[in-house]
């Protein structure tokens, strides 16, 4: 049973990995610092997420001068078995502007 006091609990429906992909799909040239700030995580945590996504084929990294840009690979299936009949494009479509 829920407490009668108002309790602020911090949770969201989307993972940080999903948020990174959504933001990069909107703007592939975003700076790492801007991505981390928008999501509310450290740059180190963001780099770990980028490494995960790139390592599993969900992002490709391109060097443009001194900066990196990222391309979301939208035809990859979502990772959880319950969601595997959907791909990244389905997720991105929910959050397109």
PDB file of N, CA and C in Angstrom:
ATOM      1  N   UNK A   1       0.843  -1.183   0.000  1.00  0.00           N
ATOM      2  CA  UNK A   1       0.000   0.000   0.000  1.00  0.00           C
ATOM      3  C   UNK A   1       0.883   1.239   0.000  1.00  0.00           C
ATOM      4  N   UNK A   2       0.476   2.261  -0.755  1.00  0.00           N
ATOM      5  CA  UNK A   2       1.259   3.484  -0.872  1.00  0.00           C
ATOM      6  C   UNK A   2       1.171   4.292   0.406  1.00  0.00           C
ATOM      7  N   UNK A   3       2.239   4.958   0.695  1.00  0.00           N
ATOM      8  CA  UNK A   3       2.292   5.829   1.861  1.00  0.00           C
ATOM      9  C   UNK A   3       1.386   7.037   1.650  1.00  0.00           C
ATOM     10  N   UNK A   4       0.833   7.558   2.727  1.00  0.00           N
ATOM     11  CA  UNK A   4      -0.036   8.734   2.606  1.00  0.00           C
ATOM     12  C   UNK A   4       0.780  10.008   2.430  1.00  0.00           C
ATOM     13  N   UNK A   5       2.076   9.952   2.712  1.00  0.00           N
ATOM     14  CA  UNK A   5       2.913  11.129   2.507  1.00  0.00           C
ATOM     15  C   UNK A   5       3.311  11.200   1.041  1.00  0.00           C
ATOM     16  N   UNK A   6       3.483  12.421   0.577  1.00  0.00           N
ATOM     17  CA  UNK A   6       3.914  12.603  -0.804  1.00  0.00           C
ATOM     18  C   UNK A   6       5.393  12.256  -0.899  1.00  0.00           C
ATOM     19  N   UNK A   7       5.668  11.318  -1.758  1.00  0.00           N
ATOM     20  CA  UNK A   7       7.035  10.835  -1.914  1.00  0.00           C
ATOM     21  C   UNK A   7       7.472  11.088  -3.345  1.00  0.00           C
ATOM     22  N   UNK A   8       8.599  11.738  -3.519  1.00  0.00           N
ATOM     23  CA  UNK A   8       9.116  11.970  -4.854  1.00  0.00           C
ATOM     24  C   UNK A   8      10.069  10.842  -5.203  1.00  0.00           C
ATOM     25  N   UNK A   9       9.662  10.080  -6.202  1.00  0.00           N
ATOM     26  CA  UNK A   9      10.502   8.978  -6.649  1.00  0.00           C
ATOM     27  C   UNK A   9      10.992   9.298  -8.047  1.00  0.00           C
ATOM     28  N   UNK A  10      12.250   9.054  -8.280  1.00  0.00           N
ATOM     29  CA  UNK A  10      12.848   9.395  -9.556  1.00  0.00           C
ATOM     30  C   UNK A  10      12.963   8.153 -10.428  1.00  0.00           C
ATOM     31  N   UNK A  11      12.048   8.037 -11.376  1.00  0.00           N
ATOM     32  CA  UNK A  11      12.146   6.984 -12.370  1.00  0.00           C
ATOM     33  C   UNK A  11      11.475   7.478 -13.637  1.00  0.00           C
ATOM     34  N   UNK A  12      11.857   6.895 -14.758  1.00  0.00           N
ATOM     35  CA  UNK A  12      11.270   7.269 -16.037  1.00  0.00           C
ATOM     36  C   UNK A  12      10.993   6.010 -16.843  1.00  0.00           C
ATOM     37  N   UNK A  13      10.208   6.141 -17.875  1.00  0.00           N
ATOM     38  CA  UNK A  13       9.871   5.004 -18.717  1.00  0.00           C
ATOM     39  C   UNK A  13      10.997   4.629 -19.673  1.00  0.00           C
ATOM     40  N   UNK A  14      11.845   5.576 -20.021  1.00  0.00           N
ATOM     41  CA  UNK A  14      12.910   5.320 -20.987  1.00  0.00           C
ATOM     42  C   UNK A  14      14.255   5.209 -20.295  1.00  0.00           C
ATOM     43  N   UNK A  15      15.097   4.350 -20.822  1.00  0.00           N
ATOM     44  CA  UNK A  15      16.460   4.234 -20.314  1.00  0.00           C
ATOM     45  C   UNK A  15      17.310   5.370 -20.867  1.00  0.00           C
ATOM     46  N   UNK A  16      18.467   5.547 -20.281  1.00  0.00           N
ATOM     47  CA  UNK A  16      19.407   6.539 -20.812  1.00  0.00           C
ATOM     48  C   UNK A  16      19.840   6.152 -22.222  1.00  0.00           C
ATOM     49  N   UNK A  17      19.988   4.861 -22.484  1.00  0.00           N
ATOM     50  CA  UNK A  17      20.360   4.409 -23.828  1.00  0.00           C
ATOM     51  C   UNK A  17      19.321   4.859 -24.859  1.00  0.00           C
ATOM     52  N   UNK A  18      18.051   4.697 -24.542  1.00  0.00           N
ATOM     53  CA  UNK A  18      16.984   5.120 -25.460  1.00  0.00           C
ATOM     54  C   UNK A  18      17.016   6.625 -25.654  1.00  0.00           C
ATOM     55  N   UNK A  19      17.223   7.356 -24.583  1.00  0.00           N
ATOM     56  CA  UNK A  19      17.263   8.812 -24.687  1.00  0.00           C
ATOM     57  C   UNK A  19      18.421   9.276 -25.572  1.00  0.00           C
ATOM     58  N   UNK A  20      19.577   8.641 -25.442  1.00  0.00           N
ATOM     59  CA  UNK A  20      20.728   8.989 -26.287  1.00  0.00           C
ATOM     60  C   UNK A  20      20.373   8.768 -27.755  1.00  0.00           C
ATOM     61  N   UNK A  21      19.775   7.626 -28.062  1.00  0.00           N
ATOM     62  CA  UNK A  21      19.423   7.354 -29.460  1.00  0.00           C
ATOM     63  C   UNK A  21      18.400   8.351 -29.982  1.00  0.00           C
ATOM     64  N   UNK A  22      17.412   8.698 -29.180  1.00  0.00           N
ATOM     65  CA  UNK A  22      16.397   9.665 -29.610  1.00  0.00           C
ATOM     66  C   UNK A  22      17.025  11.021 -29.882  1.00  0.00           C
ATOM     67  N   UNK A  23      17.877  11.478 -28.973  1.00  0.00           N
ATOM     68  CA  UNK A  23      18.515  12.788 -29.159  1.00  0.00           C
ATOM     69  C   UNK A  23      19.458  12.794 -30.356  1.00  0.00           C
ATOM     70  N   UNK A  24      20.197  11.701 -30.559  1.00  0.00           N
ATOM     71  CA  UNK A  24      21.105  11.645 -31.710  1.00  0.00           C
ATOM     72  C   UNK A  24      20.351  11.514 -33.026  1.00  0.00           C
ATOM     73  N   UNK A  25      19.206  10.869 -33.008  1.00  0.00           N
ATOM     74  CA  UNK A  25      18.392  10.792 -34.226  1.00  0.00           C
ATOM     75  C   UNK A  25      17.902  12.191 -34.617  1.00  0.00           C
ATOM     76  N   UNK A  26      17.610  13.009 -33.624  1.00  0.00           N
ATOM     77  CA  UNK A  26      17.159  14.385 -33.882  1.00  0.00           C
ATOM     78  C   UNK A  26      18.293  15.274 -34.358  1.00  0.00           C
ATOM     79  N   UNK A  27      19.484  15.085 -33.782  1.00  0.00           N
ATOM     80  CA  UNK A  27      20.640  15.929 -34.127  1.00  0.00           C
ATOM     81  C   UNK A  27      21.919  15.116 -33.967  1.00  0.00           C
ATOM     82  N   UNK A  28      22.397  14.484 -35.053  1.00  0.00           N
ATOM     83  CA  UNK A  28      23.575  13.605 -34.983  1.00  0.00           C
ATOM     84  C   UNK A  28      24.873  14.318 -34.595  1.00  0.00           C
ATOM     85  N   UNK A  29      24.913  15.633 -34.720  1.00  0.00           N
ATOM     86  CA  UNK A  29      26.137  16.366 -34.436  1.00  0.00           C
ATOM     87  C   UNK A  29      26.204  16.969 -33.050  1.00  0.00           C
ATOM     88  N   UNK A  30      25.313  16.571 -32.155  1.00  0.00           N
ATOM     89  CA  UNK A  30      25.320  17.146 -30.804  1.00  0.00           C
ATOM     90  C   UNK A  30      26.636  16.852 -30.090  1.00  0.00           C
ATOM     91  N   UNK A  31      27.076  17.818 -29.307  1.00  0.00           N
ATOM     92  CA  UNK A  31      28.281  17.617 -28.501  1.00  0.00           C
ATOM     93  C   UNK A  31      27.980  16.676 -27.344  1.00  0.00           C
ATOM     94  N   UNK A  32      28.986  15.929 -26.939  1.00  0.00           N
ATOM     95  CA  UNK A  32      28.844  14.990 -25.829  1.00  0.00           C
ATOM     96  C   UNK A  32      28.369  15.715 -24.575  1.00  0.00           C
ATOM     97  N   UNK A  33      28.936  16.866 -24.292  1.00  0.00           N
ATOM     98  CA  UNK A  33      28.540  17.632 -23.108  1.00  0.00           C
ATOM     99  C   UNK A  33      27.063  18.002 -23.162  1.00  0.00           C
ATOM    100  N   UNK A  34      26.595  18.409 -24.333  1.00  0.00           N
ATOM    101  CA  UNK A  34      25.182  18.789 -24.481  1.00  0.00           C
ATOM    102  C   UNK A  34      24.261  17.588 -24.293  1.00  0.00           C
ATOM    103  N   UNK A  35      24.648  16.437 -24.836  1.00  0.00           N
ATOM    104  CA  UNK A  35      23.866  15.219 -24.643  1.00  0.00           C
ATOM    105  C   UNK A  35      23.785  14.848 -23.168  1.00  0.00           C
ATOM    106  N   UNK A  36      24.941  14.842 -22.509  1.00  0.00           N
ATOM    107  CA  UNK A  36      24.983  14.488 -21.088  1.00  0.00           C
ATOM    108  C   UNK A  36      24.120  15.437 -20.261  1.00  0.00           C
ATOM    109  N   UNK A  37      24.213  16.722 -20.549  1.00  0.00           N
ATOM    110  CA  UNK A  37      23.410  17.715 -19.818  1.00  0.00           C
ATOM    111  C   UNK A  37      21.920  17.496 -20.051  1.00  0.00           C
ATOM    112  N   UNK A  38      21.537  17.234 -21.294  1.00  0.00           N
ATOM    113  CA  UNK A  38      20.119  17.054 -21.622  1.00  0.00           C
ATOM    114  C   UNK A  38      19.531  15.839 -20.905  1.00  0.00           C
ATOM    115  N   UNK A  39      20.328  14.788 -20.784  1.00  0.00           N
ATOM    116  CA  UNK A  39      19.850  13.551 -20.159  1.00  0.00           C
ATOM    117  C   UNK A  39      19.993  13.605 -18.645  1.00  0.00           C
ATOM    118  N   UNK A  40      20.957  14.388 -18.177  1.00  0.00           N
ATOM    119  CA  UNK A  40      21.191  14.499 -16.738  1.00  0.00           C
ATOM    120  C   UNK A  40      22.151  13.452 -16.209  1.00  0.00           C
ATOM    121  N   UNK A  41      23.159  13.121 -17.039  1.00  0.00           N
ATOM    122  CA  UNK A  41      24.168  12.143 -16.640  1.00  0.00           C
ATOM    123  C   UNK A  41      25.556  12.739 -16.845  1.00  0.00           C
ATOM    124  N   UNK A  42      26.563  12.066 -16.320  1.00  0.00           N
ATOM    125  CA  UNK A  42      27.938  12.534 -16.483  1.00  0.00           C
ATOM    126  C   UNK A  42      28.439  12.226 -17.895  1.00  0.00           C
ATOM    127  N   UNK A  43      29.473  12.945 -18.291  1.00  0.00           N
ATOM    128  CA  UNK A  43      30.099  12.676 -19.587  1.00  0.00           C
ATOM    129  C   UNK A  43      30.639  11.256 -19.625  1.00  0.00           C
ATOM    130  N   UNK A  44      31.199  10.804 -18.527  1.00  0.00           N
ATOM    131  CA  UNK A  44      31.719   9.433 -18.446  1.00  0.00           C
ATOM    132  C   UNK A  44      30.608   8.413 -18.689  1.00  0.00           C
ATOM    133  N   UNK A  45      29.469   8.616 -18.041  1.00  0.00           N
ATOM    134  CA  UNK A  45      28.334   7.705 -18.240  1.00  0.00           C
ATOM    135  C   UNK A  45      27.863   7.747 -19.694  1.00  0.00           C
ATOM    136  N   UNK A  46      27.857   8.936 -20.282  1.00  0.00           N
ATOM    137  CA  UNK A  46      27.448   9.059 -21.676  1.00  0.00           C
ATOM    138  C   UNK A  46      28.403   8.306 -22.589  1.00  0.00           C
ATOM    139  N   UNK A  47      29.708   8.422 -22.347  1.00  0.00           N
ATOM    140  CA  UNK A  47      30.683   7.693 -23.162  1.00  0.00           C
ATOM    141  C   UNK A  47      30.474   6.180 -23.053  1.00  0.00           C
ATOM    142  N   UNK A  48      30.146   5.693 -21.876  1.00  0.00           N
ATOM    143  CA  UNK A  48      29.875   4.256 -21.717  1.00  0.00           C
ATOM    144  C   UNK A  48      28.649   3.842 -22.533  1.00  0.00           C
ATOM    145  N   UNK A  49      27.627   4.670 -22.527  1.00  0.00           N
ATOM    146  CA  UNK A  49      26.420   4.387 -23.303  1.00  0.00           C
ATOM    147  C   UNK A  49      26.734   4.416 -24.799  1.00  0.00           C
ATOM    148  N   UNK A  50      27.475   5.434 -25.247  1.00  0.00           N
ATOM    149  CA  UNK A  50      27.852   5.508 -26.660  1.00  0.00           C
ATOM    150  C   UNK A  50      28.654   4.275 -27.074  1.00  0.00           C
ATOM    151  N   UNK A  51      29.566   3.843 -26.213  1.00  0.00           N
ATOM    152  CA  UNK A  51      30.353   2.633 -26.500  1.00  0.00           C
ATOM    153  C   UNK A  51      29.449   1.401 -26.595  1.00  0.00           C
ATOM    154  N   UNK A  52      28.478   1.279 -25.676  1.00  0.00           N
ATOM    155  CA  UNK A  52      27.523   0.164 -25.726  1.00  0.00           C
ATOM    156  C   UNK A  52      26.763   0.165 -27.047  1.00  0.00           C
ATOM    157  N   UNK A  53      26.194   1.312 -27.385  1.00  0.00           N
ATOM    158  CA  UNK A  53      25.363   1.411 -28.582  1.00  0.00           C
ATOM    159  C   UNK A  53      26.165   1.188 -29.855  1.00  0.00           C
ATOM    160  N   UNK A  54      27.368   1.733 -29.899  1.00  0.00           N
ATOM    161  CA  UNK A  54      28.216   1.521 -31.072  1.00  0.00           C
ATOM    162  C   UNK A  54      28.689   0.069 -31.142  1.00  0.00           C
ATOM    163  N   UNK A  55      29.086  -0.481 -30.020  1.00  0.00           N
ATOM    164  CA  UNK A  55      29.581  -1.857 -29.979  1.00  0.00           C
ATOM    165  C   UNK A  55      28.545  -2.883 -30.398  1.00  0.00           C
ATOM    166  N   UNK A  56      27.277  -2.606 -30.122  1.00  0.00           N
ATOM    167  CA  UNK A  56      26.206  -3.538 -30.487  1.00  0.00           C
ATOM    168  C   UNK A  56      25.532  -3.183 -31.809  1.00  0.00           C
ATOM    169  N   UNK A  57      26.094  -2.210 -32.518  1.00  0.00           N
ATOM    170  CA  UNK A  57      25.613  -1.901 -33.858  1.00  0.00           C
ATOM    171  C   UNK A  57      24.408  -0.982 -33.933  1.00  0.00           C
ATOM    172  N   UNK A  58      24.104  -0.271 -32.849  1.00  0.00           N
ATOM    173  CA  UNK A  58      22.960   0.639 -32.848  1.00  0.00           C
ATOM    174  C   UNK A  58      23.344   2.056 -33.268  1.00  0.00           C
ATOM    175  N   UNK A  59      24.631   2.366 -33.223  1.00  0.00           N
ATOM    176  CA  UNK A  59      25.156   3.661 -33.663  1.00  0.00           C
ATOM    177  C   UNK A  59      26.403   3.435 -34.488  1.00  0.00           C
ATOM    178  N   UNK A  60      26.639   4.335 -35.427  1.00  0.00           N
ATOM    179  CA  UNK A  60      27.945   4.391 -36.077  1.00  0.00           C
ATOM    180  C   UNK A  60      28.519   5.775 -35.805  1.00  0.00           C
ATOM    181  N   UNK A  61      29.828   5.814 -35.619  1.00  0.00           N
ATOM    182  CA  UNK A  61      30.519   7.056 -35.270  1.00  0.00           C
ATOM    183  C   UNK A  61      31.321   7.516 -36.484  1.00  0.00           C
ATOM    184  N   UNK A  62      31.237   8.811 -36.777  1.00  0.00           N
ATOM    185  CA  UNK A  62      31.964   9.387 -37.902  1.00  0.00           C
ATOM    186  C   UNK A  62      32.739  10.598 -37.391  1.00  0.00           C
ATOM    187  N   UNK A  63      33.987  10.678 -37.765  1.00  0.00           N
ATOM    188  CA  UNK A  63      34.822  11.817 -37.378  1.00  0.00           C
ATOM    189  C   UNK A  63      34.632  12.931 -38.402  1.00  0.00           C
ATOM    190  N   UNK A  64      34.290  14.107 -37.926  1.00  0.00           N
ATOM    191  CA  UNK A  64      34.157  15.289 -38.776  1.00  0.00           C
ATOM    192  C   UNK A  64      35.049  16.356 -38.162  1.00  0.00           C
ATOM    193  N   UNK A  65      36.222  16.529 -38.751  1.00  0.00           N
ATOM    194  CA  UNK A  65      37.205  17.423 -38.144  1.00  0.00           C
ATOM    195  C   UNK A  65      37.648  16.854 -36.813  1.00  0.00           C
ATOM    196  N   UNK A  66      37.498  17.630 -35.758  1.00  0.00           N
ATOM    197  CA  UNK A  66      37.863  17.160 -34.415  1.00  0.00           C
ATOM    198  C   UNK A  66      36.683  16.586 -33.652  1.00  0.00           C
ATOM    199  N   UNK A  67      35.507  16.637 -34.259  1.00  0.00           N
ATOM    200  CA  UNK A  67      34.291  16.188 -33.563  1.00  0.00           C
ATOM    201  C   UNK A  67      33.770  14.880 -34.127  1.00  0.00           C
ATOM    202  N   UNK A  68      32.996  14.200 -33.319  1.00  0.00           N
ATOM    203  CA  UNK A  68      32.307  12.991 -33.763  1.00  0.00           C
ATOM    204  C   UNK A  68      30.853  13.324 -34.062  1.00  0.00           C
ATOM    205  N   UNK A  69      30.325  12.671 -35.091  1.00  0.00           N
ATOM    206  CA  UNK A  69      28.888  12.677 -35.319  1.00  0.00           C
ATOM    207  C   UNK A  69      28.449  11.225 -35.278  1.00  0.00           C
ATOM    208  N   UNK A  70      27.193  11.013 -35.019  1.00  0.00           N
ATOM    209  CA  UNK A  70      26.681   9.660 -34.843  1.00  0.00           C
ATOM    210  C   UNK A  70      25.471   9.447 -35.740  1.00  0.00           C
ATOM    211  N   UNK A  71      25.368   8.239 -36.266  1.00  0.00           N
ATOM    212  CA  UNK A  71      24.212   7.841 -37.047  1.00  0.00           C
ATOM    213  C   UNK A  71      23.529   6.695 -36.318  1.00  0.00           C
ATOM    214  N   UNK A  72      22.248   6.847 -36.074  1.00  0.00           N
ATOM    215  CA  UNK A  72      21.465   5.782 -35.445  1.00  0.00           C
ATOM    216  C   UNK A  72      21.133   4.756 -36.522  1.00  0.00           C
ATOM    217  N   UNK A  73      21.362   3.483 -36.216  1.00  0.00           N
ATOM    218  CA  UNK A  73      21.032   2.395 -37.136  1.00  0.00           C
ATOM    219  C   UNK A  73      19.608   1.956 -36.795  1.00  0.00           C
ATOM    220  N   UNK A  74      18.657   2.506 -37.541  1.00  0.00           N
ATOM    221  CA  UNK A  74      17.253   2.387 -37.176  1.00  0.00           C
ATOM    222  C   UNK A  74      16.634   1.032 -37.480  1.00  0.00           C
ATOM    223  N   UNK A  75      17.297   0.207 -38.282  1.00  0.00           N
ATOM    224  CA  UNK A  75      16.688  -1.082 -38.621  1.00  0.00           C
ATOM    225  C   UNK A  75      17.111  -2.218 -37.687  1.00  0.00           C
ATOM    226  N   UNK A  76      17.798  -1.874 -36.611  1.00  0.00           N
ATOM    227  CA  UNK A  76      18.192  -2.880 -35.615  1.00  0.00           C
ATOM    228  C   UNK A  76      17.015  -3.187 -34.703  1.00  0.00           C
ATOM    229  N   UNK A  77      16.823  -4.456 -34.328  1.00  0.00           N
ATOM    230  CA  UNK A  77      15.721  -4.793 -33.416  1.00  0.00           C
ATOM    231  C   UNK A  77      16.007  -4.296 -32.000  1.00  0.00           C
ATOM    232  N   UNK A  78      14.942  -4.015 -31.267  1.00  0.00           N
ATOM    233  CA  UNK A  78      15.110  -3.674 -29.852  1.00  0.00           C
ATOM    234  C   UNK A  78      15.635  -4.904 -29.123  1.00  0.00           C
ATOM    235  N   UNK A  79      16.356  -4.702 -28.053  1.00  0.00           N
ATOM    236  CA  UNK A  79      17.132  -5.773 -27.430  1.00  0.00           C
ATOM    237  C   UNK A  79      16.352  -6.764 -26.576  1.00  0.00           C
ATOM    238  N   UNK A  80      15.338  -6.330 -25.894  1.00  0.00           N
ATOM    239  CA  UNK A  80      14.625  -7.239 -24.998  1.00  0.00           C
ATOM    240  C   UNK A  80      13.741  -8.186 -25.807  1.00  0.00           C
ATOM    241  N   UNK A  81      13.690  -9.471 -25.444  1.00  0.00           N
ATOM    242  CA  UNK A  81      12.883 -10.435 -26.210  1.00  0.00           C
ATOM    243  C   UNK A  81      11.421 -10.019 -26.376  1.00  0.00           C
ATOM    244  N   UNK A  82      10.850  -9.369 -25.395  1.00  0.00           N
ATOM    245  CA  UNK A  82       9.456  -8.925 -25.494  1.00  0.00           C
ATOM    246  C   UNK A  82       9.292  -7.878 -26.602  1.00  0.00           C
ATOM    247  N   UNK A  83      10.344  -7.085 -26.833  1.00  0.00           N
ATOM    248  CA  UNK A  83      10.286  -5.981 -27.784  1.00  0.00           C
ATOM    249  C   UNK A  83      10.933  -6.297 -29.121  1.00  0.00           C
ATOM    250  N   UNK A  84      11.501  -7.484 -29.276  1.00  0.00           N
ATOM    251  CA  UNK A  84      12.338  -7.808 -30.435  1.00  0.00           C
ATOM    252  C   UNK A  84      11.598  -7.779 -31.771  1.00  0.00           C
ATOM    253  N   UNK A  85      10.263  -7.775 -31.744  1.00  0.00           N
ATOM    254  CA  UNK A  85       9.533  -7.689 -33.009  1.00  0.00           C
ATOM    255  C   UNK A  85       9.391  -6.236 -33.479  1.00  0.00           C
ATOM    256  N   UNK A  86       9.984  -5.302 -32.738  1.00  0.00           N
ATOM    257  CA  UNK A  86      10.039  -3.898 -33.128  1.00  0.00           C
ATOM    258  C   UNK A  86      11.494  -3.513 -33.330  1.00  0.00           C
ATOM    259  N   UNK A  87      11.706  -2.525 -34.174  1.00  0.00           N
ATOM    260  CA  UNK A  87      13.077  -2.057 -34.348  1.00  0.00           C
ATOM    261  C   UNK A  87      13.215  -0.630 -33.828  1.00  0.00           C
ATOM    262  N   UNK A  88      14.425  -0.128 -33.879  1.00  0.00           N
ATOM    263  CA  UNK A  88      14.725   1.206 -33.362  1.00  0.00           C
ATOM    264  C   UNK A  88      13.870   2.262 -34.058  1.00  0.00           C
ATOM    265  N   UNK A  89      13.607   2.072 -35.340  1.00  0.00           N
ATOM    266  CA  UNK A  89      12.786   3.038 -36.078  1.00  0.00           C
ATOM    267  C   UNK A  89      11.408   3.203 -35.441  1.00  0.00           C
ATOM    268  N   UNK A  90      10.849   2.120 -34.930  1.00  0.00           N
ATOM    269  CA  UNK A  90       9.542   2.201 -34.258  1.00  0.00           C
ATOM    270  C   UNK A  90       9.632   3.093 -33.015  1.00  0.00           C
ATOM    271  N   UNK A  91      10.693   2.922 -32.247  1.00  0.00           N
ATOM    272  CA  UNK A  91      10.900   3.753 -31.058  1.00  0.00           C
ATOM    273  C   UNK A  91      11.075   5.215 -31.447  1.00  0.00           C
ATOM    274  N   UNK A  92      11.917   5.465 -32.431  1.00  0.00           N
ATOM    275  CA  UNK A  92      12.192   6.832 -32.851  1.00  0.00           C
ATOM    276  C   UNK A  92      10.938   7.519 -33.390  1.00  0.00           C
ATOM    277  N   UNK A  93      10.075   6.755 -34.056  1.00  0.00           N
ATOM    278  CA  UNK A  93       8.836   7.328 -34.603  1.00  0.00           C
ATOM    279  C   UNK A  93       7.942   7.884 -33.503  1.00  0.00           C
ATOM    280  N   UNK A  94       7.985   7.258 -32.339  1.00  0.00           N
ATOM    281  CA  UNK A  94       7.179   7.758 -31.216  1.00  0.00           C
ATOM    282  C   UNK A  94       7.618   9.131 -30.744  1.00  0.00           C
ATOM    283  N   UNK A  95       8.908   9.433 -30.946  1.00  0.00           N
ATOM    284  CA  UNK A  95       9.470  10.660 -30.386  1.00  0.00           C
ATOM    285  C   UNK A  95       9.949  11.644 -31.455  1.00  0.00           C
ATOM    286  N   UNK A  96       9.528  11.442 -32.689  1.00  0.00           N
ATOM    287  CA  UNK A  96       9.948  12.370 -33.743  1.00  0.00           C
ATOM    288  C   UNK A  96       9.193  13.685 -33.577  1.00  0.00           C
ATOM    289  N   UNK A  97       9.868  14.747 -33.924  1.00  0.00           N
ATOM    290  CA  UNK A  97       9.261  16.086 -33.782  1.00  0.00           C
ATOM    291  C   UNK A  97       8.572  16.467 -35.054  1.00  0.00           C
TER     292      UNK A  97
END
